[in-house]
Amino acid sequence: MAQASELEDKVILEKLRGLSSERKQEVLDFLEFLELREKSKGWLEFDEWAFNLAKERGFDHLTEEDVARIVSDFREGR
């Protein structure tokens, strides 16, 4: 399997080397887009997990302001 991956990398690099600077920049932009999309997917999974946890624990009705107030009160020892 590793050999197939190395071969794919070589093919990609060969094709990349044949592109103009402008096209290389487009490829880079696309790669950055794909990377961001993967990160976004992780954020969405975390958000879904956090929402489900809040629902299970019965505090899904709290707003961000409520949470900030609770944390502030806790830090001040109230």
Protein backbone atom coordinates (compact mmCIF):
# COMPACT_ATOMS: atom_id res chain seq x y z
CA MET A 1 0.00 0.00 0.00
CA ALA A 2 2.85 2.38 0.82
CA GLN A 3 4.31 1.80 -2.64
CA ALA A 4 1.03 2.84 -4.29
CA SER A 5 0.99 6.02 -2.22
CA GLU A 6 4.58 6.82 -3.17
CA LEU A 7 3.75 6.24 -6.82
CA GLU A 8 0.74 8.56 -6.57
CA ASP A 9 2.95 11.22 -4.97
CA LYS A 10 5.50 10.91 -7.78
CA VAL A 11 2.82 11.18 -10.47
CA ILE A 12 1.32 14.23 -8.77
CA LEU A 13 4.73 15.91 -8.45
CA GLU A 14 5.58 15.21 -12.09
CA LYS A 15 2.31 16.73 -13.24
CA LEU A 16 2.78 19.69 -10.89
CA ARG A 17 6.25 20.39 -12.24
CA GLY A 18 4.78 20.68 -15.74
CA LEU A 19 2.39 23.46 -14.78
CA SER A 20 2.89 27.19 -15.11
CA SER A 21 3.39 29.28 -11.96
CA GLU A 22 -0.17 30.53 -12.27
CA ARG A 23 -1.57 26.99 -12.41
CA LYS A 24 0.64 25.92 -9.50
CA GLN A 25 -0.91 28.72 -7.45
CA GLU A 26 -4.38 27.43 -8.37
CA VAL A 27 -3.37 23.94 -7.23
CA LEU A 28 -2.08 25.38 -3.95
CA ASP A 29 -5.32 27.32 -3.45
CA PHE A 30 -7.31 24.14 -4.06
CA LEU A 31 -5.18 22.14 -1.61
CA GLU A 32 -5.71 24.82 1.04
CA PHE A 33 -9.45 24.67 0.35
CA LEU A 34 -9.45 20.90 0.86
CA GLU A 35 -7.47 21.26 4.07
CA LEU A 36 -9.91 23.86 5.41
CA ARG A 37 -12.86 21.65 4.48
CA GLU A 38 -11.37 18.77 6.47
CA LYS A 39 -10.84 21.03 9.49
CA SER A 40 -14.39 22.36 9.18
CA LYS A 41 -15.72 18.81 9.21
CA GLY A 42 -13.92 18.24 12.51
CA TRP A 43 -15.42 21.42 13.95
CA LEU A 44 -18.90 20.34 12.94
CA GLU A 45 -18.40 16.95 14.56
CA PHE A 46 -17.25 18.66 17.77
CA ASP A 47 -20.23 21.05 17.70
CA GLU A 48 -22.59 18.11 17.29
CA TRP A 49 -20.92 16.28 20.19
CA ALA A 50 -21.10 19.37 22.43
CA PHE A 51 -24.75 19.97 21.57
CA ASN A 52 -25.66 16.34 22.32
CA LEU A 53 -23.77 16.48 25.62
CA ALA A 54 -25.60 19.67 26.61
CA LYS A 55 -28.90 18.03 25.71
CA GLU A 56 -28.09 14.90 27.74
CA ARG A 57 -27.09 16.98 30.77
CA GLY A 58 -30.11 19.26 30.52
CA PHE A 59 -28.39 22.56 29.86
CA ASP A 60 -29.02 22.95 26.14
CA HIS A 61 -31.32 25.92 26.87
CA LEU A 62 -28.39 28.08 28.07
CA THR A 63 -27.17 30.90 25.85
CA GLU A 64 -23.54 31.87 25.38
CA GLU A 65 -24.20 34.82 27.69
CA ASP A 66 -25.56 32.44 30.36
CA VAL A 67 -22.47 30.28 30.13
CA ALA A 68 -20.14 33.31 30.28
CA ARG A 69 -21.97 34.55 33.40
CA ILE A 70 -21.79 31.13 35.06
CA VAL A 71 -18.06 30.85 34.35
CA SER A 72 -17.46 34.38 35.60
CA ASP A 73 -19.43 33.73 38.78
CA PHE A 74 -17.52 30.50 39.34
CA ARG A 75 -14.17 32.22 38.89
CA GLU A 76 -15.17 34.94 41.34
CA GLY A 77 -16.17 32.31 43.88
CA ARG A 78 -19.89 33.06 43.96
